[in-house]
Protein backbone atom coordinates (compact mmCIF):
# COMPACT_ATOMS: atom_id res chain seq x y z
CA UNK A 1 63.01 15.92 -21.71
CA UNK A 2 61.64 17.72 -24.63
CA UNK A 3 60.00 16.91 -27.81
CA UNK A 4 61.98 15.49 -30.71
CA UNK A 5 59.77 17.18 -33.36
CA UNK A 6 58.85 20.93 -33.41
CA UNK A 7 55.12 21.30 -34.22
CA UNK A 8 53.36 24.14 -35.17
CA UNK A 9 50.29 25.59 -33.85
CA UNK A 10 47.18 24.32 -35.59
CA UNK A 11 44.42 26.92 -34.47
CA UNK A 12 45.47 30.42 -33.28
CA UNK A 13 48.08 31.59 -30.96
CA UNK A 14 51.47 33.33 -31.53
CA UNK A 15 53.98 31.38 -33.54
CA UNK A 16 55.46 29.41 -30.72
CA UNK A 17 57.37 26.07 -31.21
CA UNK A 18 54.83 23.52 -30.05
CA UNK A 19 57.27 21.67 -27.82
CA UNK A 20 57.99 20.52 -24.32
CA UNK A 21 61.34 22.03 -23.51
CA UNK A 22 63.07 22.09 -20.20
CA UNK A 23 66.38 24.31 -20.12
CA UNK A 24 66.34 24.63 -16.44
CA UNK A 25 64.75 22.89 -13.52
CA UNK A 26 61.34 24.17 -12.56
CA UNK A 27 61.15 26.84 -11.25
CA UNK A 28 64.49 28.53 -13.06
CA UNK A 29 66.20 31.32 -11.63
CA UNK A 30 64.25 34.06 -13.27
CA UNK A 31 61.11 32.45 -12.26
CA UNK A 32 62.42 32.02 -8.76
CA UNK A 33 63.17 35.94 -8.75
CA UNK A 34 59.54 36.71 -9.79
CA UNK A 35 58.27 34.19 -6.94
CA UNK A 36 60.36 35.99 -4.30
CA UNK A 37 58.97 39.41 -5.57
CA UNK A 38 55.50 37.90 -5.29
CA UNK A 39 56.05 36.52 -1.90
CA UNK A 40 57.22 40.05 -0.58
CA UNK A 41 54.55 42.06 -2.64
CA UNK A 42 51.33 40.10 -3.02
CA UNK A 43 48.80 38.69 -0.37
CA UNK A 44 49.73 35.57 0.90
CA UNK A 45 46.21 34.45 0.14
CA UNK A 46 46.81 34.58 -3.57
CA UNK A 47 48.40 31.19 -4.37
CA UNK A 48 49.72 29.76 -7.55
CA UNK A 49 50.02 26.21 -8.84
CA UNK A 50 52.88 26.35 -11.24
CA UNK A 51 56.00 28.00 -10.02
CA UNK A 52 56.98 29.93 -13.33
CA UNK A 53 57.03 33.20 -14.65
CA UNK A 54 54.94 33.10 -17.77
CA UNK A 55 55.96 35.24 -20.61
CA UNK A 56 54.38 33.80 -23.58
CA UNK A 57 51.66 31.33 -24.46
CA UNK A 58 49.94 29.90 -27.64
CA UNK A 59 48.82 26.53 -29.18
CA UNK A 60 49.38 23.90 -26.53
CA UNK A 61 52.27 25.67 -24.49
CA UNK A 62 53.15 28.15 -22.02
CA UNK A 63 56.69 29.59 -22.05
CA UNK A 64 58.51 30.82 -18.80
CA UNK A 65 61.20 33.53 -18.38
CA UNK A 66 63.89 30.88 -18.23
CA UNK A 67 63.08 29.60 -21.80
CA UNK A 68 61.24 26.51 -20.53
CA UNK A 69 58.16 25.47 -22.59
CA UNK A 70 55.54 23.73 -20.68
CA UNK A 71 52.44 21.59 -22.14
CA UNK A 72 49.33 23.26 -21.11
CA UNK A 73 46.62 20.97 -20.17
CA UNK A 74 44.80 23.33 -18.14
CA UNK A 75 44.12 26.53 -20.44
CA UNK A 76 44.14 28.87 -17.42
CA UNK A 77 41.18 26.82 -16.06
CA UNK A 78 39.20 26.46 -19.22
CA UNK A 79 39.53 30.24 -20.30
CA UNK A 80 41.81 30.04 -23.27
CA UNK A 81 39.82 27.31 -24.97
CA UNK A 82 40.42 28.94 -28.33
CA UNK A 83 44.08 29.06 -27.92
CA UNK A 84 46.12 31.85 -26.09
CA UNK A 85 46.27 35.17 -28.05
CA UNK A 86 44.30 33.77 -31.13
CA UNK A 87 45.05 36.13 -34.08
CA UNK A 88 41.27 37.20 -34.53
CA UNK A 89 40.96 37.80 -30.78
CA UNK A 90 44.13 39.76 -30.78
CA UNK A 91 43.11 41.91 -33.78
CA UNK A 92 39.65 42.68 -32.32
CA UNK A 93 41.08 43.68 -28.97
CA UNK A 94 43.88 45.94 -30.56
CA UNK A 95 40.99 47.62 -32.83
CA UNK A 96 38.86 48.14 -30.01
CA UNK A 97 41.70 49.70 -27.62
CA UNK A 98 42.67 52.08 -30.29
CA UNK A 99 39.13 53.17 -30.57
CA UNK A 100 38.06 53.57 -26.79
CA UNK A 101 38.57 51.57 -23.85
CA UNK A 102 35.65 52.47 -21.64
CA UNK A 103 32.65 54.53 -21.31
CA UNK A 104 30.46 52.54 -18.82
CA UNK A 105 27.65 50.85 -20.64
CA UNK A 106 25.20 51.94 -17.95
CA UNK A 107 26.36 55.58 -18.64
CA UNK A 108 26.98 55.55 -22.50
CA UNK A 109 25.93 52.45 -24.33
CA UNK A 110 27.91 50.87 -27.14
CA UNK A 111 27.17 48.55 -29.83
CA UNK A 112 29.69 45.65 -28.50
CA UNK A 113 27.88 45.01 -25.39
CA UNK A 114 24.48 44.75 -27.31
CA UNK A 115 26.22 42.56 -30.04
CA UNK A 116 27.48 40.20 -27.33
CA UNK A 117 24.05 39.88 -25.82
CA UNK A 118 22.53 39.22 -29.34
CA UNK A 119 25.22 36.53 -29.93
CA UNK A 120 24.57 34.84 -26.37
CA UNK A 121 20.75 34.92 -26.81
CA UNK A 122 21.29 33.15 -30.21
CA UNK A 123 23.94 30.40 -29.12
CA UNK A 124 22.67 29.45 -25.62
CA UNK A 125 20.13 26.51 -25.34
CA UNK A 126 16.60 27.03 -26.27
CA UNK A 127 14.57 28.76 -28.90
CA UNK A 128 12.51 31.05 -26.41
CA UNK A 129 13.03 34.78 -26.33
CA UNK A 130 16.12 35.64 -24.22
CA UNK A 131 17.97 38.48 -22.93
CA UNK A 132 21.38 38.96 -21.48
CA UNK A 133 23.35 41.03 -19.00
CA UNK A 134 27.12 41.38 -18.79
CA UNK A 135 29.45 41.10 -15.85
CA UNK A 136 33.04 40.62 -15.08
CA UNK A 137 33.61 37.28 -13.42
CA UNK A 138 31.75 34.07 -13.01
CA UNK A 139 31.16 34.59 -9.29
CA UNK A 140 29.56 38.25 -10.38
CA UNK A 141 27.41 36.28 -13.01
CA UNK A 142 26.13 33.71 -10.57
CA UNK A 143 25.34 36.49 -7.92
CA UNK A 144 23.29 38.33 -10.51
CA UNK A 145 21.58 35.05 -11.55
CA UNK A 146 20.33 34.56 -8.05
CA UNK A 147 19.29 38.14 -7.55
CA UNK A 148 17.04 37.97 -10.90
CA UNK A 149 15.61 34.72 -9.83
CA UNK A 150 14.66 36.17 -6.39
CA UNK A 151 13.06 39.19 -7.98
CA UNK A 152 11.17 37.11 -10.67
CA UNK A 153 9.69 34.70 -8.03
CA UNK A 154 9.41 36.79 -5.07
CA UNK A 155 10.92 33.88 -3.22
CA UNK A 156 14.34 33.65 -1.25
CA UNK A 157 15.67 30.15 -1.01
CA UNK A 158 18.17 28.88 -3.45
CA UNK A 159 19.41 25.13 -3.60
CA UNK A 160 22.87 24.11 -4.43
CA UNK A 161 24.41 20.84 -4.68
CA UNK A 162 27.24 18.82 -2.77
CA UNK A 163 30.69 19.29 -4.49
CA UNK A 164 29.34 22.68 -6.32
CA UNK A 165 31.66 25.61 -6.83
CA UNK A 166 30.16 28.82 -7.79
CA UNK A 167 32.69 31.59 -6.70
CA UNK A 168 34.34 33.36 -4.03
CA UNK A 169 32.04 36.39 -3.09
CA UNK A 170 29.98 36.11 -0.06
CA UNK A 171 26.80 34.82 -1.68
CA UNK A 172 28.74 32.44 -4.02
CA UNK A 173 30.81 31.14 -1.14
CA UNK A 174 27.63 30.06 0.63
CA UNK A 175 26.68 28.24 -2.63
CA UNK A 176 30.10 26.51 -2.96
CA UNK A 177 30.59 23.34 -1.16
CA UNK A 178 34.28 23.06 -0.40
CA UNK A 179 35.51 24.73 2.78
CA UNK A 180 39.29 24.78 2.09
CA UNK A 181 40.52 26.82 0.46
CA UNK A 182 37.47 28.89 -0.59
CA UNK A 183 35.41 29.38 2.56
CA UNK A 184 37.28 28.74 5.77
CA UNK A 185 37.24 31.58 8.05
CA UNK A 186 35.42 33.86 5.75
CA UNK A 187 31.82 33.52 7.19
CA UNK A 188 29.13 34.29 8.12
CA UNK A 189 27.53 33.58 4.69
CA UNK A 190 24.42 34.74 2.98
CA UNK A 191 21.29 33.09 4.29
CA UNK A 192 18.56 30.96 2.50
CA UNK A 193 21.09 28.53 0.69
CA UNK A 194 20.38 24.81 0.92
CA UNK A 195 22.60 22.13 -0.18
CA UNK A 196 21.41 18.89 -1.85
CA UNK A 197 22.98 15.67 -2.77
CA UNK A 198 24.32 15.23 -6.22
CA UNK A 199 24.32 12.59 -8.53
CA UNK A 200 27.71 11.04 -8.25
CA UNK A 201 27.49 7.57 -10.37
CA UNK A 202 31.12 6.34 -9.16
CA UNK A 203 30.22 6.75 -5.55
CA UNK A 204 26.38 6.61 -4.92
CA UNK A 205 25.49 4.00 -7.38
CA UNK A 206 22.17 5.58 -8.17
CA UNK A 207 20.44 5.94 -11.37
CA UNK A 208 19.63 9.60 -12.62
CA UNK A 209 16.12 9.08 -11.60
CA UNK A 210 16.93 7.76 -8.42
CA UNK A 211 19.27 10.61 -7.44
CA UNK A 212 16.75 13.16 -8.71
CA UNK A 213 13.94 11.65 -6.51
CA UNK A 214 16.29 11.98 -3.55
CA UNK A 215 17.01 15.46 -3.97
CA UNK A 216 13.60 16.62 -4.73
CA UNK A 217 12.28 14.64 -1.84
CA UNK A 218 14.72 16.64 0.44
CA UNK A 219 13.85 19.93 -1.21
CA UNK A 220 10.09 19.42 -0.68
CA UNK A 221 10.63 18.31 2.99
CA UNK A 222 13.25 20.87 4.01
CA UNK A 223 12.21 24.01 2.14
CA UNK A 224 9.18 23.63 0.13
CA UNK A 225 8.68 24.68 -3.37
CA UNK A 226 6.74 27.85 -2.49
CA UNK A 227 9.79 29.12 -0.62
CA UNK A 228 12.28 28.28 -3.58
CA UNK A 229 13.43 30.89 -5.97
CA UNK A 230 16.09 28.94 -7.81
CA UNK A 231 18.14 25.72 -8.23
CA UNK A 232 21.54 26.37 -9.41
CA UNK A 233 23.95 23.49 -10.70
CA UNK A 234 26.85 23.01 -12.96
CA UNK A 235 25.79 20.28 -15.65
CA UNK A 236 29.29 18.91 -14.92
CA UNK A 237 31.04 20.12 -11.96
CA UNK A 238 34.26 21.75 -12.20
CA UNK A 239 36.12 22.32 -9.11
CA UNK A 240 33.86 19.72 -7.34
CA UNK A 241 35.76 17.04 -9.44
CA UNK A 242 34.33 16.89 -12.95
CA UNK A 243 31.31 14.78 -11.59
CA UNK A 244 29.05 13.83 -14.48
CA UNK A 245 25.47 13.21 -13.40
CA UNK A 246 23.73 9.92 -14.23
CA UNK A 247 21.55 10.26 -17.34
CA UNK A 248 18.08 11.65 -16.36
CA UNK A 249 19.21 13.55 -13.23
CA UNK A 250 19.30 17.06 -14.68
CA UNK A 251 16.21 16.43 -16.86
CA UNK A 252 14.23 15.44 -13.68
CA UNK A 253 15.33 18.61 -11.68
CA UNK A 254 14.19 20.72 -14.81
CA UNK A 255 10.98 19.07 -15.18
CA UNK A 256 10.29 19.57 -11.32
CA UNK A 257 11.52 23.09 -11.52
CA UNK A 258 9.09 24.18 -14.33
CA UNK A 259 6.08 22.50 -12.57
CA UNK A 260 6.83 24.25 -9.45
CA UNK A 261 7.69 27.85 -10.85
CA UNK A 262 11.33 27.59 -9.75
CA UNK A 263 14.12 28.97 -11.82
CA UNK A 264 16.52 26.41 -13.07
CA UNK A 265 20.04 28.14 -13.39
CA UNK A 266 22.83 26.21 -15.35
CA UNK A 267 26.24 27.25 -13.99
CA UNK A 268 28.13 26.83 -17.30
CA UNK A 269 31.03 28.96 -16.55
CA UNK A 270 33.37 26.20 -16.77
CA UNK A 271 31.60 23.71 -19.19
CA UNK A 272 30.45 26.62 -21.55
CA UNK A 273 31.63 27.28 -25.04
CA UNK A 274 32.58 24.12 -26.86
CA UNK A 275 34.58 22.56 -23.80
CA UNK A 276 32.25 19.38 -23.47
CA UNK A 277 31.98 18.76 -27.10
CA UNK A 278 28.83 21.02 -27.64
CA UNK A 279 28.71 24.66 -27.40
CA UNK A 280 27.10 24.10 -23.85
CA UNK A 281 27.08 21.14 -21.57
CA UNK A 282 23.20 21.54 -21.33
CA UNK A 283 22.81 20.54 -24.98
CA UNK A 284 25.00 17.37 -23.99
CA UNK A 285 22.27 16.37 -21.53
CA UNK A 286 19.20 17.83 -23.72
CA UNK A 287 18.21 20.22 -20.92
CA UNK A 288 17.02 24.07 -21.65
CA UNK A 289 17.75 26.08 -18.60
CA UNK A 290 15.75 29.21 -17.57
CA UNK A 291 18.96 31.11 -17.01
CA UNK A 292 22.61 30.24 -17.69
CA UNK A 293 25.69 31.90 -16.36
CA UNK A 294 28.95 31.98 -18.56
CA UNK A 295 32.50 33.31 -18.30
CA UNK A 296 35.85 31.64 -18.41
CA UNK A 297 35.89 30.60 -22.33
CA UNK A 298 33.64 33.46 -23.42
CA UNK A 299 36.16 35.93 -24.39
CA UNK A 300 39.50 34.24 -25.25
CA UNK A 301 41.17 35.38 -22.07
CA UNK A 302 39.72 38.66 -21.45
CA UNK A 303 37.56 39.02 -18.21
CA UNK A 304 33.88 38.87 -19.11
CA UNK A 305 30.87 37.15 -17.76
CA UNK A 306 27.20 36.77 -18.61
CA UNK A 307 23.81 35.98 -17.57
CA UNK A 308 21.44 34.88 -20.22
CA UNK A 309 17.73 33.83 -19.70
CA UNK A 310 14.29 33.74 -20.55
CA UNK A 311 13.30 37.27 -21.56
CA UNK A 312 10.41 37.64 -18.75
CA UNK A 313 12.83 36.54 -16.13
CA UNK A 314 15.69 38.91 -17.15
CA UNK A 315 13.36 41.73 -17.34
CA UNK A 316 12.10 41.09 -13.83
CA UNK A 317 14.65 43.74 -12.31
CA UNK A 318 13.87 47.24 -12.06
CA UNK A 319 16.01 49.60 -14.22
CA UNK A 320 19.46 50.14 -12.67
CA UNK A 321 19.03 46.87 -10.57
CA UNK A 322 21.84 45.24 -12.85
CA UNK A 323 25.06 46.56 -13.98
CA UNK A 324 28.37 47.82 -12.81
CA UNK A 325 31.28 49.99 -13.71
CA UNK A 326 33.15 47.52 -15.78
CA UNK A 327 30.52 44.97 -16.67
CA UNK A 328 30.53 44.26 -20.42
CA UNK A 329 33.86 46.41 -20.95
CA UNK A 330 34.17 47.38 -24.63
CA UNK A 331 37.42 45.63 -25.05
CA UNK A 332 36.34 42.29 -23.42
CA UNK A 333 33.20 42.62 -25.72
CA UNK A 334 35.29 42.63 -28.67
CA UNK A 335 37.36 40.01 -27.72
CA UNK A 336 33.92 38.02 -27.03
CA UNK A 337 32.58 38.53 -30.30
CA UNK A 338 35.74 37.31 -32.09
CA UNK A 339 36.01 34.48 -29.76
CA UNK A 340 32.54 33.16 -30.46
CA UNK A 341 33.26 33.59 -34.20
CA UNK A 342 36.24 31.41 -33.79
CA UNK A 343 34.15 28.71 -31.89
CA UNK A 344 31.60 28.59 -34.66
CA UNK A 345 33.93 29.11 -37.83
CA UNK A 346 36.58 26.47 -36.64
CA UNK A 347 33.94 23.93 -35.22
CA UNK A 348 35.63 23.75 -31.94
CA UNK A 349 32.93 21.72 -30.54
CA UNK A 350 34.06 18.87 -32.61
CA UNK A 351 37.61 19.65 -31.87
CA UNK A 352 36.70 19.16 -28.25
CA UNK A 353 35.30 15.65 -29.01
CA UNK A 354 38.44 14.64 -30.88
CA UNK A 355 40.79 16.15 -27.78
CA UNK A 356 38.19 14.16 -25.45
CA UNK A 357 38.73 10.90 -27.38
CA UNK A 358 42.53 11.01 -26.94
CA UNK A 359 42.19 11.86 -23.15
CA UNK A 360 39.63 9.08 -22.33
CA UNK A 361 41.70 6.59 -24.34
CA UNK A 362 44.92 7.22 -22.73
CA UNK A 363 43.60 7.81 -19.16
CA UNK A 364 41.55 4.60 -19.55
CA UNK A 365 44.69 2.75 -20.58
CA UNK A 366 46.46 4.08 -17.63
CA UNK A 367 43.40 2.99 -15.29
CA UNK A 368 43.48 -0.53 -16.72
CA UNK A 369 47.23 -0.81 -15.85
CA UNK A 370 46.82 0.81 -12.42
CA UNK A 371 43.87 0.31 -10.05
CA UNK A 372 44.86 3.45 -8.17
CA UNK A 373 42.90 5.33 -10.81
CA UNK A 374 39.33 4.59 -9.68
CA UNK A 375 37.37 6.38 -12.27
CA UNK A 376 37.86 8.23 -15.66
CA UNK A 377 35.02 10.69 -16.66
CA UNK A 378 34.05 13.64 -18.48
CA UNK A 379 32.73 15.04 -21.86
CA UNK A 380 34.50 16.48 -24.76
CA UNK A 381 37.84 18.07 -23.57
CA UNK A 382 36.76 18.19 -20.02
CA UNK A 383 37.98 14.86 -18.58
CA UNK A 384 39.33 13.72 -15.18
CA UNK A 385 40.86 10.89 -13.34
CA UNK A 386 39.96 10.18 -9.90
CA UNK A 387 42.87 8.61 -7.67
CA UNK A 388 41.82 6.27 -4.69
CA UNK A 389 43.14 3.52 -2.55
CA UNK A 390 42.36 0.53 -4.66
CA UNK A 391 41.53 -1.65 -1.62
CA UNK A 392 38.95 0.72 -0.03
CA UNK A 393 37.98 3.11 -2.63
CA UNK A 394 38.97 6.00 -0.33
CA UNK A 395 40.23 9.09 -2.15
CA UNK A 396 44.02 9.42 -2.29
CA UNK A 397 44.64 12.91 -2.19
CA UNK A 398 48.53 12.44 -1.43
CA UNK A 399 48.97 10.47 -4.67
CA UNK A 400 46.98 12.93 -6.75
CA UNK A 401 49.12 15.83 -5.32
CA UNK A 402 52.41 13.86 -5.83
CA UNK A 403 51.50 12.87 -9.46
CA UNK A 404 50.42 16.73 -10.46
CA UNK A 405 53.76 17.93 -9.01
CA UNK A 406 55.84 15.55 -10.74
CA UNK A 407 54.06 16.52 -13.94
CA UNK A 408 54.67 20.11 -13.44
CA UNK A 409 58.45 19.42 -12.73
CA UNK A 410 58.61 17.61 -16.08
CA UNK A 411 56.99 20.37 -18.15
CA UNK A 412 53.37 19.45 -18.04
CA UNK A 413 50.85 21.70 -16.50
CA UNK A 414 48.04 19.81 -14.82
CA UNK A 415 45.42 20.93 -12.29
CA UNK A 416 43.86 19.05 -9.44
CA UNK A 417 40.36 19.37 -8.07
CA UNK A 418 37.54 17.60 -5.95
CA UNK A 419 35.95 17.90 -2.73
CA UNK A 420 38.56 15.32 -1.45
CA UNK A 421 41.39 16.78 -3.37
CA UNK A 422 41.94 13.41 -5.41
CA UNK A 423 41.13 14.27 -8.93
CA UNK A 424 43.42 15.53 -11.88
CA UNK A 425 41.28 17.63 -14.46
CA UNK A 426 42.42 17.91 -17.93
CA UNK A 427 41.32 21.08 -19.88
CA UNK A 428 43.61 21.52 -22.56
CA UNK A 429 43.28 24.45 -24.96
CA UNK A 430 41.62 23.18 -28.24
CA UNK A 431 44.51 24.51 -30.12
CA UNK A 432 46.95 22.04 -28.57
CA UNK A 433 48.27 19.72 -31.42
CA UNK A 434 47.41 16.05 -31.05
CA UNK A 435 51.13 14.86 -30.68
CA UNK A 436 51.92 17.42 -27.89
CA UNK A 437 48.80 16.05 -25.89
CA UNK A 438 49.79 12.45 -26.50
CA UNK A 439 53.43 13.68 -25.08
CA UNK A 440 51.79 15.38 -22.25
CA UNK A 441 49.80 12.10 -21.20
CA UNK A 442 53.14 10.08 -21.55
CA UNK A 443 54.55 12.39 -18.80
CA UNK A 444 51.42 11.91 -16.67
CA UNK A 445 51.66 8.03 -17.26
CA UNK A 446 55.18 8.17 -16.17
CA UNK A 447 54.74 10.33 -13.08
CA UNK A 448 51.77 8.00 -12.08
CA UNK A 449 54.19 5.09 -12.56
CA UNK A 450 57.07 6.61 -10.47
CA UNK A 451 54.64 6.99 -7.30
């Protein structure tokens, strides 16, 4: 039930033994007590995937209040990419907290916000002049990216894509494709949002050029380029099922957008910051978006998000049109500067490639032995397995849920996703030791075999 060898943390994080260790069933008594308090005190609408009380995390493990050590293959949904509590991030946060916690940048500016904007302008795709604005969450970044695009173009319509996920605010729920649990009963939603078919190679069989032509034809017929402010798309979809579009799909959309004065927004909230084996997934596909939204991995676990784009687009808003009380909080900015430094100094994009090689190899081996894995896909350390009925190819959500629950019971944190609920996604922190990742995948394989 536990690792035979205790590994050390290779990159960042507290000095936690890098082992899977189960001393109680999941959840143990202390975790059960916290979950009872949660049920009494926290809105029922706030769910949880792993029934534990987390008390420590680092490297590739999460430790609970009962002393169980779980292998982390989710990284808080791609947030703790550099590892939980990376020493450089901790040091930067502690120093900033001791100096000041808040002034509100739109009241009294401070260097950290400006330095983060400069860093984002430097590391995001393209060598054109850029500017940035900072916010609190991915949904906030998306909402502001749409605002900016509408202001710049003087148009209102926005195109999103099948299976896309962009957040839980009113506008971003409208952009999000999946109704449960994100939209059901929460409407009406913001108007002038149109959904187009995505390139989904496993299910549509189209080339990238064919899929792009289909989407562009529908845009021109149903909306008209003259009415369209922006196209927003995740280069690799996150919650939608880690769908990797066919080669050429994204490039064709970018070219069409440029030719028609439409702002192309790349939502890199989950794909950004070394996750896909490059600093951004746009780099993987060779595209340069007009605007890019980032969050999750940007600040090592601190809440921060950003919109970065062409300077002329970002300057379209009137003074005071962008901002917020906590946007670009100085503590989060300190964490982001340290995190970006870690990504670059430790070459974590290359580490993501190595992690991805292990994930793809092991999942492909499982697929070859079990036809219920219909597809293995992803880039870098963002990889997924899609579970299907092997006779029909129909999504198998029940199997997916059963395998995920079995993994968690055996001390491995995995996350499900996909419009049909039939995908397990793998997003380990890049600080996870190879041996621990292999052991986690051993548990996944055993859980699948048992079902």
